[in-house]
Amino acid sequence: MQQNGDLVYAIFASMLMANFAHLIVGRLGIPLWVKVTQI
């Protein structure tokens, strides 16, 4: 936290952004995953 504080908080911000991305990608991909499980 002392040596790489800027990076750590950038990672925290990325995690919150990833939750938003997760919601979008997961919702749009629901019809597709049905087909992926059949590979």
Full PDB file with SEQRES, HELIX, SHEET, SSBOND, CRYST1, ORIGX, SCALE, CONECT and MASTER records, all heavy atoms in Angstrom:
SEQRES   1 A   39  MET GLN GLN ASN GLY ASP LEU VAL TYR ALA ILE PHE ALA          
SEQRES   2 A   39  SER MET LEU MET ALA ASN PHE ALA HIS LEU ILE VAL GLY          
SEQRES   3 A   39  ARG LEU GLY ILE PRO LEU TRP VAL LYS VAL THR GLN ILE          
HELIX    1 AA1 GLY A    5  VAL A   36  1                                  32    
CRYST1    1.000    1.000    1.000  90.00  90.00  90.00 P 1           1          
ORIGX1      1.000000  0.000000  0.000000        0.00000                         
ORIGX2      0.000000  1.000000  0.000000        0.00000                         
ORIGX3      0.000000  0.000000  1.000000        0.00000                         
SCALE1      1.000000  0.000000  0.000000        0.00000                         
SCALE2      0.000000  1.000000  0.000000        0.00000                         
SCALE3      0.000000  0.000000  1.000000        0.00000                         
ATOM      1  N   MET A   1       0.826  -1.202   0.000  1.00  0.00           N  
ATOM      2  CA  MET A   1       0.000   0.000   0.000  1.00  0.00           C  
ATOM      3  C   MET A   1       0.864   1.257   0.000  1.00  0.00           C  
ATOM      4  O   MET A   1       0.494   2.278  -0.587  1.00  0.00           O  
ATOM      5  CB  MET A   1      -0.924   0.009   1.217  1.00  0.00           C  
ATOM      6  CG  MET A   1      -1.950  -1.109   1.253  1.00  0.00           C  
ATOM      7  SD  MET A   1      -3.227  -0.984  -0.021  1.00  0.00           S  
ATOM      8  CE  MET A   1      -4.148   0.439   0.528  1.00  0.00           C  
ATOM      9  N   GLN A   2       2.021   1.196   0.646  1.00  0.00           N  
ATOM     10  CA  GLN A   2       2.914   2.350   0.693  1.00  0.00           C  
ATOM     11  C   GLN A   2       3.678   2.525  -0.616  1.00  0.00           C  
ATOM     12  O   GLN A   2       3.805   3.631  -1.137  1.00  0.00           O  
ATOM     13  CB  GLN A   2       3.911   2.198   1.849  1.00  0.00           C  
ATOM     14  CG  GLN A   2       3.293   2.348   3.229  1.00  0.00           C  
ATOM     15  CD  GLN A   2       4.340   2.285   4.325  1.00  0.00           C  
ATOM     16  OE1 GLN A   2       5.471   1.883   4.097  1.00  0.00           O  
ATOM     17  NE2 GLN A   2       3.953   2.689   5.531  1.00  0.00           N  
ATOM     18  N   GLN A   3       4.211   1.417  -1.133  1.00  0.00           N  
ATOM     19  CA  GLN A   3       5.083   1.491  -2.301  1.00  0.00           C  
ATOM     20  C   GLN A   3       4.327   1.566  -3.613  1.00  0.00           C  
ATOM     21  O   GLN A   3       4.830   2.116  -4.594  1.00  0.00           O  
ATOM     22  CB  GLN A   3       6.026   0.277  -2.309  1.00  0.00           C  
ATOM     23  CG  GLN A   3       6.958   0.227  -1.112  1.00  0.00           C  
ATOM     24  CD  GLN A   3       7.771  -1.059  -1.074  1.00  0.00           C  
ATOM     25  OE1 GLN A   3       7.510  -2.007  -1.835  1.00  0.00           O  
ATOM     26  NE2 GLN A   3       8.751  -1.121  -0.182  1.00  0.00           N  
ATOM     27  N   ASN A   4       3.130   0.985  -3.657  1.00  0.00           N  
ATOM     28  CA  ASN A   4       2.357   0.929  -4.906  1.00  0.00           C  
ATOM     29  C   ASN A   4       0.914   1.339  -4.674  1.00  0.00           C  
ATOM     30  O   ASN A   4      -0.013   0.729  -5.215  1.00  0.00           O  
ATOM     31  CB  ASN A   4       2.410  -0.484  -5.509  1.00  0.00           C  
ATOM     32  CG  ASN A   4       3.816  -1.001  -5.716  1.00  0.00           C  
ATOM     33  OD1 ASN A   4       4.315  -1.785  -4.930  1.00  0.00           O  
ATOM     34  ND2 ASN A   4       4.461  -0.563  -6.784  1.00  0.00           N  
ATOM     35  N   GLY A   5       0.719   2.365  -3.860  1.00  0.00           N  
ATOM     36  CA  GLY A   5      -0.631   2.790  -3.501  1.00  0.00           C  
ATOM     37  C   GLY A   5      -1.483   3.157  -4.705  1.00  0.00           C  
ATOM     38  O   GLY A   5      -2.664   2.787  -4.778  1.00  0.00           O  
ATOM     39  N   ASP A   6      -0.896   3.893  -5.669  1.00  0.00           N  
ATOM     40  CA  ASP A   6      -1.658   4.280  -6.861  1.00  0.00           C  
ATOM     41  C   ASP A   6      -2.136   3.055  -7.635  1.00  0.00           C  
ATOM     42  O   ASP A   6      -3.283   3.004  -8.107  1.00  0.00           O  
ATOM     43  CB  ASP A   6      -0.794   5.162  -7.766  1.00  0.00           C  
ATOM     44  CG  ASP A   6      -0.498   6.519  -7.136  1.00  0.00           C  
ATOM     45  OD1 ASP A   6      -1.170   6.853  -6.132  1.00  0.00           O  
ATOM     46  OD2 ASP A   6       0.398   7.222  -7.625  1.00  0.00           O  
ATOM     47  N   LEU A   7      -1.248   2.068  -7.743  1.00  0.00           N  
ATOM     48  CA  LEU A   7      -1.608   0.846  -8.469  1.00  0.00           C  
ATOM     49  C   LEU A   7      -2.698   0.075  -7.734  1.00  0.00           C  
ATOM     50  O   LEU A   7      -3.643  -0.425  -8.350  1.00  0.00           O  
ATOM     51  CB  LEU A   7      -0.366  -0.032  -8.646  1.00  0.00           C  
ATOM     52  CG  LEU A   7      -0.607  -1.423  -9.253  1.00  0.00           C  
ATOM     53  CD1 LEU A   7      -1.151  -1.301 -10.656  1.00  0.00           C  
ATOM     54  CD2 LEU A   7       0.679  -2.243  -9.238  1.00  0.00           C  
ATOM     55  N   VAL A   8      -2.589  -0.004  -6.402  1.00  0.00           N  
ATOM     56  CA  VAL A   8      -3.564  -0.757  -5.620  1.00  0.00           C  
ATOM     57  C   VAL A   8      -4.960  -0.166  -5.801  1.00  0.00           C  
ATOM     58  O   VAL A   8      -5.934  -0.891  -6.043  1.00  0.00           O  
ATOM     59  CB  VAL A   8      -3.175  -0.773  -4.134  1.00  0.00           C  
ATOM     60  CG1 VAL A   8      -4.307  -1.356  -3.282  1.00  0.00           C  
ATOM     61  CG2 VAL A   8      -1.908  -1.587  -3.924  1.00  0.00           C  
ATOM     62  N   TYR A   9      -5.069   1.161  -5.722  1.00  0.00           N  
ATOM     63  CA  TYR A   9      -6.390   1.768  -5.861  1.00  0.00           C  
ATOM     64  C   TYR A   9      -6.876   1.731  -7.308  1.00  0.00           C  
ATOM     65  O   TYR A   9      -8.085   1.719  -7.559  1.00  0.00           O  
ATOM     66  CB  TYR A   9      -6.380   3.192  -5.317  1.00  0.00           C  
ATOM     67  CG  TYR A   9      -6.507   3.223  -3.811  1.00  0.00           C  
ATOM     68  CD1 TYR A   9      -5.394   3.337  -2.997  1.00  0.00           C  
ATOM     69  CD2 TYR A   9      -7.752   3.080  -3.206  1.00  0.00           C  
ATOM     70  CE1 TYR A   9      -5.511   3.327  -1.614  1.00  0.00           C  
ATOM     71  CE2 TYR A   9      -7.879   3.070  -1.824  1.00  0.00           C  
ATOM     72  CZ  TYR A   9      -6.762   3.191  -1.032  1.00  0.00           C  
ATOM     73  OH  TYR A   9      -6.883   3.175   0.333  1.00  0.00           O  
ATOM     74  N   ALA A  10      -5.954   1.688  -8.256  1.00  0.00           N  
ATOM     75  CA  ALA A  10      -6.369   1.475  -9.649  1.00  0.00           C  
ATOM     76  C   ALA A  10      -6.940   0.070  -9.819  1.00  0.00           C  
ATOM     77  O   ALA A  10      -7.901  -0.131 -10.571  1.00  0.00           O  
ATOM     78  CB  ALA A  10      -5.179   1.685 -10.581  1.00  0.00           C  
ATOM     79  N   ILE A  11      -6.362  -0.896  -9.096  1.00  0.00           N  
ATOM     80  CA  ILE A  11      -6.901  -2.265  -9.123  1.00  0.00           C  
ATOM     81  C   ILE A  11      -8.283  -2.300  -8.478  1.00  0.00           C  
ATOM     82  O   ILE A  11      -9.208  -2.946  -8.979  1.00  0.00           O  
ATOM     83  CB  ILE A  11      -5.934  -3.230  -8.411  1.00  0.00           C  
ATOM     84  CG1 ILE A  11      -4.634  -3.350  -9.214  1.00  0.00           C  
ATOM     85  CG2 ILE A  11      -6.580  -4.595  -8.220  1.00  0.00           C  
ATOM     86  CD1 ILE A  11      -3.545  -4.117  -8.487  1.00  0.00           C  
ATOM     87  N   PHE A  12      -8.440  -1.585  -7.352  1.00  0.00           N  
ATOM     88  CA  PHE A  12      -9.759  -1.514  -6.710  1.00  0.00           C  
ATOM     89  C   PHE A  12     -10.797  -0.938  -7.674  1.00  0.00           C  
ATOM     90  O   PHE A  12     -11.914  -1.447  -7.787  1.00  0.00           O  
ATOM     91  CB  PHE A  12      -9.697  -0.652  -5.460  1.00  0.00           C  
ATOM     92  CG  PHE A  12      -8.897  -1.248  -4.330  1.00  0.00           C  
ATOM     93  CD1 PHE A  12      -8.474  -0.463  -3.267  1.00  0.00           C  
ATOM     94  CD2 PHE A  12      -8.569  -2.597  -4.321  1.00  0.00           C  
ATOM     95  CE1 PHE A  12      -7.753  -1.001  -2.225  1.00  0.00           C  
ATOM     96  CE2 PHE A  12      -7.830  -3.148  -3.279  1.00  0.00           C  
ATOM     97  CZ  PHE A  12      -7.422  -2.346  -2.229  1.00  0.00           C  
ATOM     98  N   ALA A  13     -10.422   0.137  -8.348  1.00  0.00           N  
ATOM     99  CA  ALA A  13     -11.339   0.746  -9.312  1.00  0.00           C  
ATOM    100  C   ALA A  13     -11.657  -0.226 -10.441  1.00  0.00           C  
ATOM    101  O   ALA A  13     -12.813  -0.326 -10.893  1.00  0.00           O  
ATOM    102  CB  ALA A  13     -10.728   2.029  -9.868  1.00  0.00           C  
ATOM    103  N   SER A  14     -10.643  -0.973 -10.892  1.00  0.00           N  
ATOM    104  CA  SER A  14     -10.858  -1.950 -11.962  1.00  0.00           C  
ATOM    105  C   SER A  14     -11.814  -3.051 -11.524  1.00  0.00           C  
ATOM    106  O   SER A  14     -12.612  -3.558 -12.323  1.00  0.00           O  
ATOM    107  CB  SER A  14      -9.517  -2.563 -12.389  1.00  0.00           C  
ATOM    108  OG  SER A  14      -8.651  -1.579 -12.913  1.00  0.00           O  
ATOM    109  N   MET A  15     -11.756  -3.420 -10.249  1.00  0.00           N  
ATOM    110  CA  MET A  15     -12.657  -4.455  -9.741  1.00  0.00           C  
ATOM    111  C   MET A  15     -14.107  -3.981  -9.781  1.00  0.00           C  
ATOM    112  O   MET A  15     -15.011  -4.744 -10.157  1.00  0.00           O  
ATOM    113  CB  MET A  15     -12.257  -4.833  -8.315  1.00  0.00           C  
ATOM    114  CG  MET A  15     -10.897  -5.510  -8.222  1.00  0.00           C  
ATOM    115  SD  MET A  15     -10.383  -5.866  -6.535  1.00  0.00           S  
ATOM    116  CE  MET A  15     -11.457  -7.238  -6.139  1.00  0.00           C  
ATOM    117  N   LEU A  16     -14.340  -2.730  -9.398  1.00  0.00           N  
ATOM    118  CA  LEU A  16     -15.700  -2.193  -9.467  1.00  0.00           C  
ATOM    119  C   LEU A  16     -16.168  -2.085 -10.912  1.00  0.00           C  
ATOM    120  O   LEU A  16     -17.334  -2.374 -11.232  1.00  0.00           O  
ATOM    121  CB  LEU A  16     -15.755  -0.833  -8.778  1.00  0.00           C  
ATOM    122  CG  LEU A  16     -15.468  -0.839  -7.268  1.00  0.00           C  
ATOM    123  CD1 LEU A  16     -15.431   0.586  -6.725  1.00  0.00           C  
ATOM    124  CD2 LEU A  16     -16.510  -1.662  -6.518  1.00  0.00           C  
ATOM    125  N   MET A  17     -15.269  -1.688 -11.804  1.00  0.00           N  
ATOM    126  CA  MET A  17     -15.610  -1.619 -13.217  1.00  0.00           C  
ATOM    127  C   MET A  17     -15.896  -3.014 -13.780  1.00  0.00           C  
ATOM    128  O   MET A  17     -16.773  -3.197 -14.630  1.00  0.00           O  
ATOM    129  CB  MET A  17     -14.474  -0.947 -13.995  1.00  0.00           C  
ATOM    130  CG  MET A  17     -14.308   0.537 -13.662  1.00  0.00           C  
ATOM    131  SD  MET A  17     -12.654   1.186 -14.042  1.00  0.00           S  
ATOM    132  CE  MET A  17     -12.494   0.807 -15.771  1.00  0.00           C  
ATOM    133  N   ALA A  18     -15.153  -4.005 -13.279  1.00  0.00           N  
ATOM    134  CA  ALA A  18     -15.352  -5.380 -13.753  1.00  0.00           C  
ATOM    135  C   ALA A  18     -16.724  -5.906 -13.351  1.00  0.00           C  
ATOM    136  O   ALA A  18     -17.322  -6.716 -14.072  1.00  0.00           O  
ATOM    137  CB  ALA A  18     -14.254  -6.287 -13.205  1.00  0.00           C  
ATOM    138  N   ASN A  19     -17.250  -5.457 -12.211  1.00  0.00           N  
ATOM    139  CA  ASN A  19     -18.600  -5.874 -11.818  1.00  0.00           C  
ATOM    140  C   ASN A  19     -19.636  -5.357 -12.818  1.00  0.00           C  
ATOM    141  O   ASN A  19     -20.588  -6.066 -13.177  1.00  0.00           O  
ATOM    142  CB  ASN A  19     -18.926  -5.350 -10.415  1.00  0.00           C  
ATOM    143  CG  ASN A  19     -18.075  -6.006  -9.351  1.00  0.00           C  
ATOM    144  OD1 ASN A  19     -17.598  -7.118  -9.518  1.00  0.00           O  
ATOM    145  ND2 ASN A  19     -17.860  -5.303  -8.245  1.00  0.00           N  
ATOM    146  N   PHE A  20     -19.444  -4.114 -13.246  1.00  0.00           N  
ATOM    147  CA  PHE A  20     -20.332  -3.540 -14.261  1.00  0.00           C  
ATOM    148  C   PHE A  20     -20.214  -4.318 -15.569  1.00  0.00           C  
ATOM    149  O   PHE A  20     -21.225  -4.650 -16.211  1.00  0.00           O  
ATOM    150  CB  PHE A  20     -19.970  -2.065 -14.467  1.00  0.00           C  
ATOM    151  CG  PHE A  20     -20.792  -1.369 -15.507  1.00  0.00           C  
ATOM    152  CD1 PHE A  20     -22.126  -1.055 -15.282  1.00  0.00           C  
ATOM    153  CD2 PHE A  20     -20.227  -1.010 -16.725  1.00  0.00           C  
ATOM    154  CE1 PHE A  20     -22.881  -0.419 -16.248  1.00  0.00           C  
ATOM    155  CE2 PHE A  20     -20.973  -0.359 -17.695  1.00  0.00           C  
ATOM    156  CZ  PHE A  20     -22.307  -0.061 -17.459  1.00  0.00           C  
ATOM    157  N   ALA A  21     -18.974  -4.628 -15.961  1.00  0.00           N  
ATOM    158  CA  ALA A  21     -18.760  -5.407 -17.184  1.00  0.00           C  
ATOM    159  C   ALA A  21     -19.369  -6.797 -17.060  1.00  0.00           C  
ATOM    160  O   ALA A  21     -19.937  -7.337 -18.017  1.00  0.00           O  
ATOM    161  CB  ALA A  21     -17.262  -5.508 -17.471  1.00  0.00           C  
ATOM    162  N   HIS A  22     -19.238  -7.377 -15.881  1.00  0.00           N  
ATOM    163  CA  HIS A  22     -19.798  -8.702 -15.623  1.00  0.00           C  
ATOM    164  C   HIS A  22     -21.309  -8.704 -15.843  1.00  0.00           C  
ATOM    165  O   HIS A  22     -21.864  -9.626 -16.455  1.00  0.00           O  
ATOM    166  CB  HIS A  22     -19.467  -9.100 -14.180  1.00  0.00           C  
ATOM    167  CG  HIS A  22     -19.865 -10.485 -13.812  1.00  0.00           C  
ATOM    168  ND1 HIS A  22     -19.782 -10.972 -12.527  1.00  0.00           N  
ATOM    169  CD2 HIS A  22     -20.366 -11.516 -14.557  1.00  0.00           C  
ATOM    170  CE1 HIS A  22     -20.202 -12.222 -12.507  1.00  0.00           C  
ATOM    171  NE2 HIS A  22     -20.558 -12.573 -13.719  1.00  0.00           N  
ATOM    172  N   LEU A  23     -21.963  -7.671 -15.359  1.00  0.00           N  
ATOM    173  CA  LEU A  23     -23.414  -7.572 -15.509  1.00  0.00           C  
ATOM    174  C   LEU A  23     -23.808  -7.502 -16.982  1.00  0.00           C  
ATOM    175  O   LEU A  23     -24.735  -8.188 -17.427  1.00  0.00           O  
ATOM    176  CB  LEU A  23     -23.917  -6.342 -14.756  1.00  0.00           C  
ATOM    177  CG  LEU A  23     -25.436  -6.141 -14.685  1.00  0.00           C  
ATOM    178  CD1 LEU A  23     -26.099  -7.284 -13.942  1.00  0.00           C  
ATOM    179  CD2 LEU A  23     -25.764  -4.812 -14.018  1.00  0.00           C  
ATOM    180  N   ILE A  24     -23.081  -6.684 -17.751  1.00  0.00           N  
ATOM    181  CA  ILE A  24     -23.418  -6.504 -19.165  1.00  0.00           C  
ATOM    182  C   ILE A  24     -23.115  -7.767 -19.978  1.00  0.00           C  
ATOM    183  O   ILE A  24     -23.969  -8.291 -20.696  1.00  0.00           O  
ATOM    184  CB  ILE A  24     -22.651  -5.300 -19.748  1.00  0.00           C  
ATOM    185  CG1 ILE A  24     -23.123  -4.003 -19.078  1.00  0.00           C  
ATOM    186  CG2 ILE A  24     -22.856  -5.217 -21.255  1.00  0.00           C  
ATOM    187  CD1 ILE A  24     -22.347  -2.776 -19.520  1.00  0.00           C  
ATOM    188  N   VAL A  25     -21.871  -8.253 -19.847  1.00  0.00           N  
ATOM    189  CA  VAL A  25     -21.461  -9.420 -20.639  1.00  0.00           C  
ATOM    190  C   VAL A  25     -22.289 -10.644 -20.252  1.00  0.00           C  
ATOM    191  O   VAL A  25     -22.730 -11.411 -21.116  1.00  0.00           O  
ATOM    192  CB  VAL A  25     -19.960  -9.695 -20.440  1.00  0.00           C  
ATOM    193  CG1 VAL A  25     -19.550 -10.978 -21.161  1.00  0.00           C  
ATOM    194  CG2 VAL A  25     -19.131  -8.525 -20.952  1.00  0.00           C  
ATOM    195  N   GLY A  26     -22.497 -10.823 -18.946  1.00  0.00           N  
ATOM    196  CA  GLY A  26     -23.267 -11.976 -18.497  1.00  0.00           C  
ATOM    197  C   GLY A  26     -24.694 -11.956 -19.006  1.00  0.00           C  
ATOM    198  O   GLY A  26     -25.223 -12.981 -19.448  1.00  0.00           O  
ATOM    199  N   ARG A  27     -25.308 -10.775 -18.973  1.00  0.00           N  
ATOM    200  CA  ARG A  27     -26.704 -10.678 -19.419  1.00  0.00           C  
ATOM    201  C   ARG A  27     -26.834 -10.893 -20.925  1.00  0.00           C  
ATOM    202  O   ARG A  27     -27.723 -11.604 -21.396  1.00  0.00           O  
ATOM    203  CB  ARG A  27     -27.270  -9.308 -19.037  1.00  0.00           C  
ATOM    204  CG  ARG A  27     -28.727  -9.109 -19.418  1.00  0.00           C  
ATOM    205  CD  ARG A  27     -29.612 -10.092 -18.686  1.00  0.00           C  
ATOM    206  NE  ARG A  27     -31.001 -10.043 -19.160  1.00  0.00           N  
ATOM    207  CZ  ARG A  27     -31.461 -10.709 -20.190  1.00  0.00           C  
ATOM    208  NH1 ARG A  27     -30.648 -11.521 -20.881  1.00  0.00           N  
ATOM    209  NH2 ARG A  27     -32.721 -10.607 -20.565  1.00  0.00           N  
ATOM    210  N   LEU A  28     -25.918 -10.285 -21.681  1.00  0.00           N  
ATOM    211  CA  LEU A  28     -25.982 -10.444 -23.138  1.00  0.00           C  
ATOM    212  C   LEU A  28     -25.629 -11.868 -23.568  1.00  0.00           C  
ATOM    213  O   LEU A  28     -26.093 -12.344 -24.606  1.00  0.00           O  
ATOM    214  CB  LEU A  28     -25.030  -9.449 -23.822  1.00  0.00           C  
ATOM    215  CG  LEU A  28     -25.379  -7.966 -23.691  1.00  0.00           C  
ATOM    216  CD1 LEU A  28     -24.301  -7.104 -24.342  1.00  0.00           C  
ATOM    217  CD2 LEU A  28     -26.747  -7.676 -24.331  1.00  0.00           C  
ATOM    218  N   GLY A  29     -24.802 -12.530 -22.760  1.00  0.00           N  
ATOM    219  CA  GLY A  29     -24.317 -13.845 -23.166  1.00  0.00           C  
ATOM    220  C   GLY A  29     -25.183 -15.009 -22.763  1.00  0.00           C  
ATOM    221  O   GLY A  29     -24.912 -16.149 -23.176  1.00  0.00           O  
ATOM    222  N   ILE A  30     -26.232 -14.772 -21.969  1.00  0.00           N  
ATOM    223  CA  ILE A  30     -27.045 -15.882 -21.477  1.00  0.00           C  
ATOM    224  C   ILE A  30     -27.558 -16.789 -22.606  1.00  0.00           C  
ATOM    225  O   ILE A  30     -27.440 -18.017 -22.514  1.00  0.00           O  
ATOM    226  CB  ILE A  30     -28.207 -15.362 -20.593  1.00  0.00           C  
ATOM    227  CG1 ILE A  30     -27.666 -14.989 -19.209  1.00  0.00           C  
ATOM    228  CG2 ILE A  30     -29.310 -16.406 -20.458  1.00  0.00           C  
ATOM    229  CD1 ILE A  30     -28.706 -14.405 -18.276  1.00  0.00           C  
ATOM    230  N   PRO A  31     -28.101 -16.260 -23.702  1.00  0.00           N  
ATOM    231  CA  PRO A  31     -28.548 -17.166 -24.773  1.00  0.00           C  
ATOM    232  C   PRO A  31     -27.396 -17.951 -25.418  1.00  0.00           C  
ATOM    233  O   PRO A  31     -27.582 -19.080 -25.876  1.00  0.00           O  
ATOM    234  CB  PRO A  31     -29.191 -16.218 -25.794  1.00  0.00           C  
ATOM    235  CG  PRO A  31     -29.533 -14.985 -25.012  1.00  0.00           C  
ATOM    236  CD  PRO A  31     -28.441 -14.854 -24.007  1.00  0.00           C  
ATOM    237  N   LEU A  32     -26.201 -17.342 -25.431  1.00  0.00           N  
ATOM    238  CA  LEU A  32     -25.052 -17.993 -26.073  1.00  0.00           C  
ATOM    239  C   LEU A  32     -24.525 -19.154 -25.246  1.00  0.00           C  
ATOM    240  O   LEU A  32     -24.126 -20.188 -25.794  1.00  0.00           O  
ATOM    241  CB  LEU A  32     -23.940 -16.966 -26.300  1.00  0.00           C  
ATOM    242  CG  LEU A  32     -22.591 -17.496 -26.795  1.00  0.00           C  
ATOM    243  CD1 LEU A  32     -22.743 -18.092 -28.185  1.00  0.00           C  
ATOM    244  CD2 LEU A  32     -21.550 -16.392 -26.805  1.00  0.00           C  
ATOM    245  N   TRP A  33     -24.518 -19.001 -23.896  1.00  0.00           N  
ATOM    246  CA  TRP A  33     -23.902 -20.029 -23.054  1.00  0.00           C  
ATOM    247  C   TRP A  33     -24.602 -21.370 -23.198  1.00  0.00           C  
ATOM    248  O   TRP A  33     -24.000 -22.420 -22.963  1.00  0.00           O  
ATOM    249  CB  TRP A  33     -23.904 -19.577 -21.596  1.00  0.00           C  
ATOM    250  CG  TRP A  33     -23.296 -18.224 -21.357  1.00  0.00           C  
ATOM    251  CD1 TRP A  33     -23.812 -17.218 -20.606  1.00  0.00           C  
ATOM    252  CD2 TRP A  33     -22.055 -17.728 -21.876  1.00  0.00           C  
ATOM    253  NE1 TRP A  33     -22.987 -16.122 -20.635  1.00  0.00           N  
ATOM    254  CE2 TRP A  33     -21.897 -16.403 -21.415  1.00  0.00           C  
ATOM    255  CE3 TRP A  33     -21.066 -18.254 -22.708  1.00  0.00           C  
ATOM    256  CZ2 TRP A  33     -20.799 -15.615 -21.731  1.00  0.00           C  
ATOM    257  CZ3 TRP A  33     -19.971 -17.462 -23.033  1.00  0.00           C  
ATOM    258  CH2 TRP A  33     -19.848 -16.174 -22.547  1.00  0.00           C  
ATOM    259  N   VAL A  34     -25.873 -21.345 -23.552  1.00  0.00           N  
ATOM    260  CA  VAL A  34     -26.591 -22.600 -23.757  1.00  0.00           C  
ATOM    261  C   VAL A  34     -25.898 -23.424 -24.832  1.00  0.00           C  
ATOM    262  O   VAL A  34     -25.762 -24.648 -24.718  1.00  0.00           O  
ATOM    263  CB  VAL A  34     -28.054 -22.332 -24.147  1.00  0.00           C  
ATOM    264  CG1 VAL A  34     -28.785 -23.639 -24.428  1.00  0.00           C  
ATOM    265  CG2 VAL A  34     -28.766 -21.565 -23.041  1.00  0.00           C  
ATOM    266  N   LYS A  35     -25.442 -22.761 -25.872  1.00  0.00           N  
ATOM    267  CA  LYS A  35     -24.783 -23.464 -26.979  1.00  0.00           C  
ATOM    268  C   LYS A  35     -23.365 -23.880 -26.599  1.00  0.00           C  
ATOM    269  O   LYS A  35     -22.885 -24.937 -27.020  1.00  0.00           O  
ATOM    270  CB  LYS A  35     -24.765 -22.573 -28.229  1.00  0.00           C  
ATOM    271  CG  LYS A  35     -26.161 -22.195 -28.719  1.00  0.00           C  
ATOM    272  CD  LYS A  35     -26.093 -21.405 -30.004  1.00  0.00           C  
ATOM    273  CE  LYS A  35     -27.486 -20.979 -30.462  1.00  0.00           C  
ATOM    274  NZ  LYS A  35     -28.366 -22.156 -30.704  1.00  0.00           N  
ATOM    275  N   VAL A  36     -22.672 -23.047 -25.795  1.00  0.00           N  
ATOM    276  CA  VAL A  36     -21.293 -23.358 -25.415  1.00  0.00           C  
ATOM    277  C   VAL A  36     -21.226 -24.646 -24.601  1.00  0.00           C  
ATOM    278  O   VAL A  36     -20.305 -25.449 -24.756  1.00  0.00           O  
ATOM    279  CB  VAL A  36     -20.679 -22.181 -24.610  1.00  0.00           C  
ATOM    280  CG1 VAL A  36     -19.320 -22.570 -24.038  1.00  0.00           C  
ATOM    281  CG2 VAL A  36     -20.538 -20.958 -25.506  1.00  0.00           C  
ATOM    282  N   THR A  37     -22.214 -24.864 -23.735  1.00  0.00           N  
ATOM    283  CA  THR A  37     -22.203 -26.071 -22.911  1.00  0.00           C  
ATOM    284  C   THR A  37     -22.345 -27.345 -23.737  1.00  0.00           C  
ATOM    285  O   THR A  37     -22.075 -28.438 -23.240  1.00  0.00           O  
ATOM    286  CB  THR A  37     -23.354 -26.030 -21.878  1.00  0.00           C  
ATOM    287  OG1 THR A  37     -24.601 -25.887 -22.566  1.00  0.00           O  
ATOM    288  CG2 THR A  37     -23.180 -24.890 -20.900  1.00  0.00           C  
ATOM    289  N   GLN A  38     -22.728 -27.215 -25.002  1.00  0.00           N  
ATOM    290  CA  GLN A  38     -22.929 -28.386 -25.847  1.00  0.00           C  
ATOM    291  C   GLN A  38     -21.683 -28.740 -26.670  1.00  0.00           C  
ATOM    292  O   GLN A  38     -21.702 -29.695 -27.434  1.00  0.00           O  
ATOM    293  CB  GLN A  38     -24.116 -28.156 -26.782  1.00  0.00           C  
ATOM    294  CG  GLN A  38     -25.432 -27.942 -26.041  1.00  0.00           C  
ATOM    295  CD  GLN A  38     -26.593 -27.628 -26.970  1.00  0.00           C  
ATOM    296  OE1 GLN A  38     -26.392 -27.290 -28.121  1.00  0.00           O  
ATOM    297  NE2 GLN A  38     -27.806 -27.735 -26.469  1.00  0.00           N  
ATOM    298  N   ILE A  39     -20.598 -27.967 -26.511  1.00  0.00           N  
ATOM    299  CA  ILE A  39     -19.366 -28.275 -27.254  1.00  0.00           C  
ATOM    300  C   ILE A  39     -18.768 -29.566 -26.697  1.00  0.00           C  
ATOM    301  O   ILE A  39     -18.517 -29.662 -25.486  1.00  0.00           O  
ATOM    302  CB  ILE A  39     -18.344 -27.131 -27.124  1.00  0.00           C  
ATOM    303  CG1 ILE A  39     -18.924 -25.835 -27.697  1.00  0.00           C  
ATOM    304  CG2 ILE A  39     -17.038 -27.489 -27.832  1.00  0.00           C  
ATOM    305  CD1 ILE A  39     -18.023 -24.628 -27.511  1.00  0.00           C  
TER     306      ILE A  39                                                      
MASTER        0    0    0    1    0    0    0    6  305    1    0    3          
END                                                                             
